[in-house]
Amino acid sequence: MNEEPVFEATLSPHRSLGRTGLIILVVLTAGATIFHLGFFAIAGAWPIVGFFGLDLALLYGAFWLSYRSGRAREFVTVSRTDLEVRKVAPSGRQSAFRCNPVWARFTVDRHEEIGITHMRVSSRGDGTEVGSFLNPDDKESFATAFQRALSTARR
């Protein structure tokens, strides 16, 4: 893209629990697990000991997967001659969709209660979904700004 962009956006998934919060949660859960583990060990309920470790491992694994998926990014750039949507998967794999903004079609699917459910940019039979991981409010604000940018680029 050689021209000055009319619009640039970096989209990323929202994570409500930060790294510090995760550490606190795991430490508190581990502390509660170890505390209760002592009672079961004294009572001779040894099979329960293994299950206590399992719940902690599952909790950590669930948050690890959540943070991994949180590394996904989408970079959307619009200039007068080029529109690019570059996606970066959590694994680092990248894909890109490019087209002329004059030929681009931006479609938005809405649900009456939820709001925007899907956003798609397409051109001449090819296309890509945009912002699938965004919450409804973020989808709404992105759709408004992106539609405005497309209109500006087409003038």
N, C-alpha and C. Protein backbone atom coordinates (compact mmCIF):
# COMPACT_ATOMS: atom_id res chain seq x y z
N MET A 1 0.85 -1.16 0.00
CA MET A 1 0.00 0.00 0.00
C MET A 1 0.90 1.23 0.00
N ASN A 2 0.88 1.97 -1.10
CA ASN A 2 1.77 3.12 -1.25
C ASN A 2 1.14 4.43 -0.81
N GLU A 3 -0.16 4.51 -0.83
CA GLU A 3 -0.87 5.73 -0.50
C GLU A 3 -1.07 5.90 1.00
N GLU A 4 -1.37 7.15 1.36
CA GLU A 4 -1.70 7.45 2.75
C GLU A 4 -3.04 6.81 3.10
N PRO A 5 -3.12 6.04 4.16
CA PRO A 5 -4.38 5.38 4.52
C PRO A 5 -5.46 6.38 4.95
N VAL A 6 -6.67 6.08 4.54
CA VAL A 6 -7.85 6.84 4.97
C VAL A 6 -8.32 6.29 6.32
N PHE A 7 -8.05 5.00 6.53
CA PHE A 7 -8.55 4.30 7.73
C PHE A 7 -7.59 3.18 8.07
N GLU A 8 -7.26 3.06 9.35
CA GLU A 8 -6.46 1.94 9.85
C GLU A 8 -7.06 1.48 11.18
N ALA A 9 -7.19 0.18 11.34
CA ALA A 9 -7.71 -0.37 12.60
C ALA A 9 -7.00 -1.68 12.90
N THR A 10 -6.68 -1.87 14.16
CA THR A 10 -6.16 -3.15 14.64
C THR A 10 -7.22 -3.74 15.55
N LEU A 11 -7.73 -4.90 15.15
CA LEU A 11 -8.79 -5.56 15.92
C LEU A 11 -8.18 -6.71 16.71
N SER A 12 -8.55 -6.81 17.98
CA SER A 12 -8.07 -7.90 18.82
C SER A 12 -9.16 -8.30 19.80
N PRO A 13 -9.18 -9.57 20.20
CA PRO A 13 -10.20 -10.03 21.15
C PRO A 13 -10.00 -9.40 22.52
N HIS A 14 -11.10 -9.17 23.21
CA HIS A 14 -11.06 -8.63 24.57
C HIS A 14 -10.90 -9.77 25.57
N ARG A 15 -10.03 -9.58 26.53
CA ARG A 15 -9.88 -10.53 27.63
C ARG A 15 -10.14 -9.78 28.92
N SER A 16 -11.14 -10.20 29.67
CA SER A 16 -11.55 -9.47 30.87
C SER A 16 -10.62 -9.69 32.06
N LEU A 17 -9.86 -10.76 32.06
CA LEU A 17 -8.95 -11.05 33.17
C LEU A 17 -7.52 -10.91 32.67
N GLY A 18 -6.80 -9.95 33.24
CA GLY A 18 -5.41 -9.72 32.84
C GLY A 18 -4.47 -10.78 33.43
N ARG A 19 -3.20 -10.66 33.08
CA ARG A 19 -2.19 -11.62 33.57
C ARG A 19 -2.09 -11.62 35.09
N THR A 20 -2.10 -10.44 35.68
CA THR A 20 -2.01 -10.35 37.14
C THR A 20 -3.22 -11.01 37.79
N GLY A 21 -4.39 -10.76 37.24
CA GLY A 21 -5.61 -11.38 37.76
C GLY A 21 -5.57 -12.89 37.65
N LEU A 22 -5.01 -13.39 36.55
CA LEU A 22 -4.88 -14.83 36.37
C LEU A 22 -3.95 -15.44 37.42
N ILE A 23 -2.84 -14.78 37.67
CA ILE A 23 -1.89 -15.28 38.68
C ILE A 23 -2.56 -15.32 40.06
N ILE A 24 -3.29 -14.25 40.40
CA ILE A 24 -3.99 -14.21 41.69
C ILE A 24 -5.02 -15.32 41.77
N LEU A 25 -5.79 -15.52 40.70
CA LEU A 25 -6.81 -16.57 40.68
C LEU A 25 -6.19 -17.95 40.87
N VAL A 26 -5.11 -18.23 40.15
CA VAL A 26 -4.47 -19.55 40.25
C VAL A 26 -3.87 -19.75 41.64
N VAL A 27 -3.24 -18.73 42.20
CA VAL A 27 -2.64 -18.85 43.53
C VAL A 27 -3.73 -19.08 44.59
N LEU A 28 -4.82 -18.32 44.53
CA LEU A 28 -5.91 -18.51 45.50
C LEU A 28 -6.56 -19.89 45.35
N THR A 29 -6.76 -20.32 44.11
CA THR A 29 -7.35 -21.64 43.88
C THR A 29 -6.41 -22.74 44.37
N ALA A 30 -5.11 -22.58 44.10
CA ALA A 30 -4.14 -23.57 44.58
C ALA A 30 -4.11 -23.59 46.10
N GLY A 31 -4.18 -22.42 46.74
CA GLY A 31 -4.19 -22.36 48.20
C GLY A 31 -5.41 -23.06 48.78
N ALA A 32 -6.58 -22.80 48.20
CA ALA A 32 -7.81 -23.46 48.68
C ALA A 32 -7.74 -24.96 48.44
N THR A 33 -7.17 -25.36 47.31
CA THR A 33 -7.04 -26.78 47.00
C THR A 33 -6.13 -27.48 48.00
N ILE A 34 -4.99 -26.88 48.29
CA ILE A 34 -4.04 -27.48 49.23
C ILE A 34 -4.64 -27.54 50.63
N PHE A 35 -5.35 -26.48 51.03
CA PHE A 35 -5.99 -26.45 52.34
C PHE A 35 -6.98 -27.61 52.49
N HIS A 36 -7.88 -27.77 51.52
CA HIS A 36 -8.88 -28.84 51.59
C HIS A 36 -8.26 -30.22 51.37
N LEU A 37 -7.20 -30.25 50.62
CA LEU A 37 -6.50 -31.50 50.35
C LEU A 37 -6.00 -32.13 51.66
N GLY A 38 -5.54 -31.27 52.57
CA GLY A 38 -5.07 -31.76 53.86
C GLY A 38 -6.14 -32.50 54.64
N PHE A 39 -7.34 -31.97 54.64
CA PHE A 39 -8.45 -32.63 55.35
C PHE A 39 -8.76 -34.00 54.76
N PHE A 40 -8.78 -34.09 53.44
CA PHE A 40 -9.09 -35.38 52.80
C PHE A 40 -7.96 -36.38 52.99
N ALA A 41 -6.72 -35.89 52.99
CA ALA A 41 -5.58 -36.79 53.20
C ALA A 41 -5.59 -37.36 54.62
N ILE A 42 -5.89 -36.51 55.60
CA ILE A 42 -5.96 -36.96 57.00
C ILE A 42 -7.09 -37.96 57.19
N ALA A 43 -8.20 -37.75 56.50
CA ALA A 43 -9.36 -38.64 56.61
C ALA A 43 -9.14 -39.95 55.86
N GLY A 44 -8.05 -40.05 55.10
CA GLY A 44 -7.74 -41.28 54.37
C GLY A 44 -8.44 -41.39 53.02
N ALA A 45 -8.96 -40.30 52.52
CA ALA A 45 -9.64 -40.31 51.22
C ALA A 45 -8.62 -39.99 50.12
N TRP A 46 -7.68 -40.92 49.90
CA TRP A 46 -6.59 -40.70 48.94
C TRP A 46 -7.05 -40.53 47.49
N PRO A 47 -8.08 -41.21 47.01
CA PRO A 47 -8.48 -41.01 45.60
C PRO A 47 -8.89 -39.56 45.29
N ILE A 48 -9.39 -38.86 46.30
CA ILE A 48 -9.82 -37.48 46.08
C ILE A 48 -8.62 -36.57 45.84
N VAL A 49 -7.47 -36.93 46.36
CA VAL A 49 -6.26 -36.12 46.20
C VAL A 49 -5.95 -35.87 44.73
N GLY A 50 -6.05 -36.90 43.91
CA GLY A 50 -5.78 -36.76 42.47
C GLY A 50 -6.76 -35.83 41.78
N PHE A 51 -8.01 -35.89 42.18
CA PHE A 51 -9.02 -35.04 41.55
C PHE A 51 -8.82 -33.56 41.89
N PHE A 52 -8.29 -33.30 43.08
CA PHE A 52 -8.03 -31.91 43.44
C PHE A 52 -6.97 -31.30 42.53
N GLY A 53 -5.96 -32.06 42.19
CA GLY A 53 -4.95 -31.57 41.26
C GLY A 53 -5.49 -31.42 39.86
N LEU A 54 -6.42 -32.29 39.50
CA LEU A 54 -7.01 -32.26 38.16
C LEU A 54 -7.80 -30.97 37.94
N ASP A 55 -8.57 -30.53 38.91
CA ASP A 55 -9.35 -29.30 38.72
C ASP A 55 -8.46 -28.08 38.54
N LEU A 56 -7.34 -28.05 39.26
CA LEU A 56 -6.40 -26.95 39.11
C LEU A 56 -5.76 -26.97 37.72
N ALA A 57 -5.39 -28.15 37.25
CA ALA A 57 -4.80 -28.28 35.91
C ALA A 57 -5.81 -27.89 34.83
N LEU A 58 -7.06 -28.28 34.99
CA LEU A 58 -8.09 -27.92 34.01
C LEU A 58 -8.34 -26.41 33.99
N LEU A 59 -8.36 -25.79 35.15
CA LEU A 59 -8.54 -24.34 35.24
C LEU A 59 -7.40 -23.63 34.52
N TYR A 60 -6.17 -24.03 34.81
CA TYR A 60 -5.02 -23.43 34.15
C TYR A 60 -5.08 -23.65 32.64
N GLY A 61 -5.43 -24.87 32.22
CA GLY A 61 -5.51 -25.18 30.79
C GLY A 61 -6.56 -24.35 30.07
N ALA A 62 -7.70 -24.13 30.70
CA ALA A 62 -8.76 -23.32 30.09
C ALA A 62 -8.30 -21.88 29.90
N PHE A 63 -7.65 -21.32 30.89
CA PHE A 63 -7.16 -19.95 30.75
C PHE A 63 -6.01 -19.87 29.76
N TRP A 64 -5.17 -20.88 29.70
CA TRP A 64 -4.08 -20.89 28.72
C TRP A 64 -4.66 -20.86 27.31
N LEU A 65 -5.69 -21.66 27.05
CA LEU A 65 -6.33 -21.65 25.73
C LEU A 65 -6.98 -20.30 25.44
N SER A 66 -7.60 -19.71 26.44
CA SER A 66 -8.24 -18.40 26.27
C SER A 66 -7.21 -17.33 25.91
N TYR A 67 -6.10 -17.30 26.63
CA TYR A 67 -5.07 -16.31 26.34
C TYR A 67 -4.41 -16.57 25.00
N ARG A 68 -4.28 -17.82 24.62
CA ARG A 68 -3.71 -18.15 23.32
C ARG A 68 -4.60 -17.61 22.21
N SER A 69 -5.91 -17.83 22.31
CA SER A 69 -6.82 -17.32 21.28
C SER A 69 -6.86 -15.79 21.30
N GLY A 70 -6.52 -15.19 22.41
CA GLY A 70 -6.47 -13.74 22.52
C GLY A 70 -5.33 -13.11 21.76
N ARG A 71 -4.40 -13.90 21.25
CA ARG A 71 -3.29 -13.37 20.45
C ARG A 71 -3.68 -13.12 19.00
N ALA A 72 -4.89 -13.48 18.61
CA ALA A 72 -5.35 -13.25 17.24
C ALA A 72 -5.46 -11.74 16.99
N ARG A 73 -5.15 -11.33 15.78
CA ARG A 73 -5.22 -9.92 15.40
C ARG A 73 -5.75 -9.81 13.97
N GLU A 74 -6.40 -8.70 13.69
CA GLU A 74 -6.79 -8.35 12.33
C GLU A 74 -6.40 -6.90 12.11
N PHE A 75 -5.72 -6.65 11.00
CA PHE A 75 -5.29 -5.31 10.64
C PHE A 75 -6.06 -4.89 9.40
N VAL A 76 -6.85 -3.85 9.52
CA VAL A 76 -7.69 -3.39 8.42
C VAL A 76 -7.18 -2.01 7.99
N THR A 77 -6.85 -1.89 6.70
CA THR A 77 -6.34 -0.64 6.17
C THR A 77 -7.08 -0.29 4.89
N VAL A 78 -7.50 0.96 4.80
CA VAL A 78 -8.20 1.44 3.60
C VAL A 78 -7.49 2.70 3.11
N SER A 79 -7.11 2.69 1.83
CA SER A 79 -6.62 3.90 1.17
C SER A 79 -7.53 4.14 -0.04
N ARG A 80 -7.24 5.14 -0.83
CA ARG A 80 -8.09 5.43 -1.99
C ARG A 80 -7.98 4.36 -3.07
N THR A 81 -6.89 3.62 -3.09
CA THR A 81 -6.70 2.62 -4.15
C THR A 81 -6.61 1.18 -3.65
N ASP A 82 -6.59 0.99 -2.33
CA ASP A 82 -6.38 -0.37 -1.81
C ASP A 82 -7.11 -0.56 -0.48
N LEU A 83 -7.68 -1.74 -0.33
CA LEU A 83 -8.28 -2.16 0.94
C LEU A 83 -7.61 -3.48 1.30
N GLU A 84 -7.09 -3.55 2.51
CA GLU A 84 -6.41 -4.78 2.95
C GLU A 84 -6.92 -5.19 4.32
N VAL A 85 -7.24 -6.48 4.44
CA VAL A 85 -7.58 -7.09 5.73
C VAL A 85 -6.55 -8.19 5.95
N ARG A 86 -5.65 -7.97 6.91
CA ARG A 86 -4.61 -8.96 7.20
C ARG A 86 -4.93 -9.59 8.54
N LYS A 87 -5.03 -10.92 8.54
CA LYS A 87 -5.37 -11.67 9.76
C LYS A 87 -4.14 -12.41 10.25
N VAL A 88 -3.92 -12.35 11.56
CA VAL A 88 -2.83 -13.09 12.19
C VAL A 88 -3.47 -14.03 13.21
N ALA A 89 -3.34 -15.33 12.98
CA ALA A 89 -3.90 -16.35 13.87
C ALA A 89 -3.04 -16.44 15.14
N PRO A 90 -3.57 -17.02 16.21
CA PRO A 90 -2.78 -17.18 17.44
C PRO A 90 -1.47 -17.94 17.21
N SER A 91 -1.46 -18.81 16.22
CA SER A 91 -0.25 -19.58 15.91
C SER A 91 0.79 -18.74 15.18
N GLY A 92 0.41 -17.55 14.71
CA GLY A 92 1.32 -16.70 13.95
C GLY A 92 1.08 -16.76 12.45
N ARG A 93 0.26 -17.70 12.02
CA ARG A 93 -0.05 -17.84 10.59
C ARG A 93 -0.82 -16.61 10.12
N GLN A 94 -0.42 -16.09 8.95
CA GLN A 94 -1.05 -14.88 8.43
C GLN A 94 -1.77 -15.15 7.13
N SER A 95 -2.86 -14.42 6.92
CA SER A 95 -3.56 -14.45 5.64
C SER A 95 -4.02 -13.03 5.35
N ALA A 96 -4.20 -12.73 4.07
CA ALA A 96 -4.58 -11.37 3.70
C ALA A 96 -5.60 -11.39 2.59
N PHE A 97 -6.47 -10.41 2.62
CA PHE A 97 -7.45 -10.17 1.56
C PHE A 97 -7.24 -8.74 1.10
N ARG A 98 -7.07 -8.56 -0.22
CA ARG A 98 -6.86 -7.23 -0.78
C ARG A 98 -7.81 -7.01 -1.93
N CYS A 99 -8.25 -5.79 -2.06
CA CYS A 99 -9.07 -5.42 -3.20
C CYS A 99 -9.08 -3.90 -3.35
N ASN A 100 -9.68 -3.44 -4.42
CA ASN A 100 -9.86 -2.02 -4.65
C ASN A 100 -11.12 -1.59 -3.88
N PRO A 101 -11.06 -0.52 -3.10
CA PRO A 101 -12.23 -0.12 -2.31
C PRO A 101 -13.44 0.25 -3.16
N VAL A 102 -13.22 0.63 -4.40
CA VAL A 102 -14.33 0.95 -5.29
C VAL A 102 -15.19 -0.28 -5.54
N TRP A 103 -14.54 -1.45 -5.61
CA TRP A 103 -15.25 -2.70 -5.88
C TRP A 103 -15.64 -3.46 -4.62
N ALA A 104 -15.23 -2.96 -3.48
CA ALA A 104 -15.47 -3.67 -2.22
C ALA A 104 -16.94 -3.55 -1.80
N ARG A 105 -17.42 -4.62 -1.25
CA ARG A 105 -18.78 -4.65 -0.70
C ARG A 105 -18.67 -5.06 0.77
N PHE A 106 -19.24 -4.24 1.62
CA PHE A 106 -19.21 -4.49 3.06
C PHE A 106 -20.62 -4.88 3.49
N THR A 107 -20.78 -6.13 3.92
CA THR A 107 -22.10 -6.61 4.33
C THR A 107 -22.10 -6.85 5.84
N VAL A 108 -23.22 -6.49 6.44
CA VAL A 108 -23.39 -6.62 7.89
C VAL A 108 -24.68 -7.39 8.15
N ASP A 109 -24.57 -8.48 8.89
CA ASP A 109 -25.76 -9.24 9.30
C ASP A 109 -26.12 -8.82 10.72
N ARG A 110 -27.40 -8.56 10.92
CA ARG A 110 -27.87 -8.10 12.23
C ARG A 110 -28.93 -9.03 12.79
N HIS A 111 -28.94 -9.13 14.10
CA HIS A 111 -29.99 -9.83 14.84
C HIS A 111 -30.69 -8.76 15.66
N GLU A 112 -32.01 -8.79 15.70
CA GLU A 112 -32.76 -7.71 16.35
C GLU A 112 -32.43 -7.53 17.83
N GLU A 113 -32.07 -8.59 18.53
CA GLU A 113 -31.77 -8.48 19.96
C GLU A 113 -30.28 -8.29 20.24
N ILE A 114 -29.44 -8.95 19.47
CA ILE A 114 -28.00 -8.94 19.73
C ILE A 114 -27.31 -7.76 19.06
N GLY A 115 -27.72 -7.43 17.85
CA GLY A 115 -27.05 -6.41 17.05
C GLY A 115 -26.31 -7.10 15.91
N ILE A 116 -25.12 -6.63 15.62
CA ILE A 116 -24.35 -7.18 14.51
C ILE A 116 -23.84 -8.57 14.87
N THR A 117 -24.08 -9.53 13.98
CA THR A 117 -23.59 -10.89 14.20
C THR A 117 -22.42 -11.23 13.29
N HIS A 118 -22.41 -10.72 12.06
CA HIS A 118 -21.33 -10.99 11.12
C HIS A 118 -21.04 -9.75 10.28
N MET A 119 -19.76 -9.55 9.97
CA MET A 119 -19.35 -8.50 9.05
C MET A 119 -18.45 -9.16 8.01
N ARG A 120 -18.64 -8.79 6.75
CA ARG A 120 -17.87 -9.41 5.67
C ARG A 120 -17.50 -8.37 4.63
N VAL A 121 -16.26 -8.43 4.17
CA VAL A 121 -15.80 -7.61 3.06
C VAL A 121 -15.59 -8.54 1.88
N SER A 122 -16.16 -8.18 0.74
CA SER A 122 -16.00 -9.03 -0.44
C SER A 122 -15.82 -8.18 -1.68
N SER A 123 -15.27 -8.81 -2.71
CA SER A 123 -15.07 -8.16 -3.99
C SER A 123 -14.91 -9.23 -5.05
N ARG A 124 -15.75 -9.16 -6.06
CA ARG A 124 -15.67 -10.07 -7.21
C ARG A 124 -15.63 -11.54 -6.81
N GLY A 125 -16.50 -11.94 -5.92
CA GLY A 125 -16.61 -13.35 -5.53
C GLY A 125 -15.66 -13.82 -4.45
N ASP A 126 -14.71 -13.00 -4.06
CA ASP A 126 -13.76 -13.36 -3.01
C ASP A 126 -14.05 -12.46 -1.80
N GLY A 127 -13.74 -12.94 -0.61
CA GLY A 127 -14.00 -12.10 0.56
C GLY A 127 -13.51 -12.73 1.84
N THR A 128 -13.71 -12.00 2.92
CA THR A 128 -13.30 -12.48 4.23
C THR A 128 -14.19 -11.87 5.31
N GLU A 129 -14.38 -12.61 6.38
CA GLU A 129 -15.13 -12.09 7.53
C GLU A 129 -14.21 -11.21 8.35
N VAL A 130 -14.78 -10.16 8.92
CA VAL A 130 -13.99 -9.20 9.69
C VAL A 130 -14.54 -9.11 11.11
N GLY A 131 -13.64 -9.10 12.09
CA GLY A 131 -14.02 -8.85 13.48
C GLY A 131 -14.95 -9.86 14.11
N SER A 132 -14.81 -11.12 13.75
CA SER A 132 -15.71 -12.14 14.28
C SER A 132 -15.59 -12.29 15.80
N PHE A 133 -14.46 -11.91 16.37
CA PHE A 133 -14.24 -12.08 17.81
C PHE A 133 -14.62 -10.84 18.62
N LEU A 134 -15.10 -9.79 17.97
CA LEU A 134 -15.47 -8.57 18.68
C LEU A 134 -16.81 -8.72 19.38
N ASN A 135 -17.01 -7.95 20.44
CA ASN A 135 -18.32 -7.94 21.10
C ASN A 135 -19.28 -7.06 20.29
N PRO A 136 -20.58 -7.15 20.52
CA PRO A 136 -21.55 -6.41 19.69
C PRO A 136 -21.33 -4.89 19.64
N ASP A 137 -20.96 -4.27 20.75
CA ASP A 137 -20.72 -2.82 20.74
C ASP A 137 -19.52 -2.46 19.89
N ASP A 138 -18.44 -3.24 20.00
CA ASP A 138 -17.25 -2.99 19.19
C ASP A 138 -17.53 -3.24 17.71
N LYS A 139 -18.33 -4.25 17.41
CA LYS A 139 -18.71 -4.50 16.02
C LYS A 139 -19.48 -3.31 15.46
N GLU A 140 -20.36 -2.76 16.26
CA GLU A 140 -21.17 -1.61 15.82
C GLU A 140 -20.29 -0.41 15.51
N SER A 141 -19.37 -0.09 16.41
CA SER A 141 -18.51 1.08 16.19
C SER A 141 -17.55 0.84 15.03
N PHE A 142 -17.03 -0.38 14.89
CA PHE A 142 -16.15 -0.68 13.77
C PHE A 142 -16.91 -0.57 12.45
N ALA A 143 -18.11 -1.14 12.40
CA ALA A 143 -18.90 -1.12 11.16
C ALA A 143 -19.19 0.32 10.72
N THR A 144 -19.52 1.17 11.66
CA THR A 144 -19.79 2.58 11.33
C THR A 144 -18.55 3.26 10.78
N ALA A 145 -17.42 3.10 11.47
CA ALA A 145 -16.18 3.74 11.05
C ALA A 145 -15.69 3.18 9.71
N PHE A 146 -15.80 1.87 9.53
CA PHE A 146 -15.33 1.24 8.30
C PHE A 146 -16.19 1.66 7.11
N GLN A 147 -17.50 1.71 7.30
CA GLN A 147 -18.40 2.15 6.22
C GLN A 147 -18.09 3.59 5.82
N ARG A 148 -17.83 4.43 6.80
CA ARG A 148 -17.47 5.82 6.54
C ARG A 148 -16.15 5.89 5.76
N ALA A 149 -15.18 5.05 6.14
CA ALA A 149 -13.89 5.04 5.45
C ALA A 149 -14.04 4.58 4.00
N LEU A 150 -14.87 3.57 3.77
CA LEU A 150 -15.11 3.11 2.40
C LEU A 150 -15.74 4.22 1.56
N SER A 151 -16.69 4.93 2.13
CA SER A 151 -17.32 6.04 1.41
C SER A 151 -16.31 7.12 1.07
N THR A 152 -15.43 7.43 2.01
CA THR A 152 -14.39 8.43 1.77
C THR A 152 -13.43 7.97 0.68
N ALA A 153 -13.03 6.71 0.71
CA ALA A 153 -12.08 6.18 -0.28
C ALA A 153 -12.68 6.15 -1.68
N ARG A 154 -13.97 6.01 -1.79
CA ARG A 154 -14.62 5.92 -3.10
C ARG A 154 -14.82 7.28 -3.75
N ARG A 155 -14.71 8.36 -3.00
CA ARG A 155 -14.92 9.70 -3.57
C ARG A 155 -13.76 10.13 -4.41
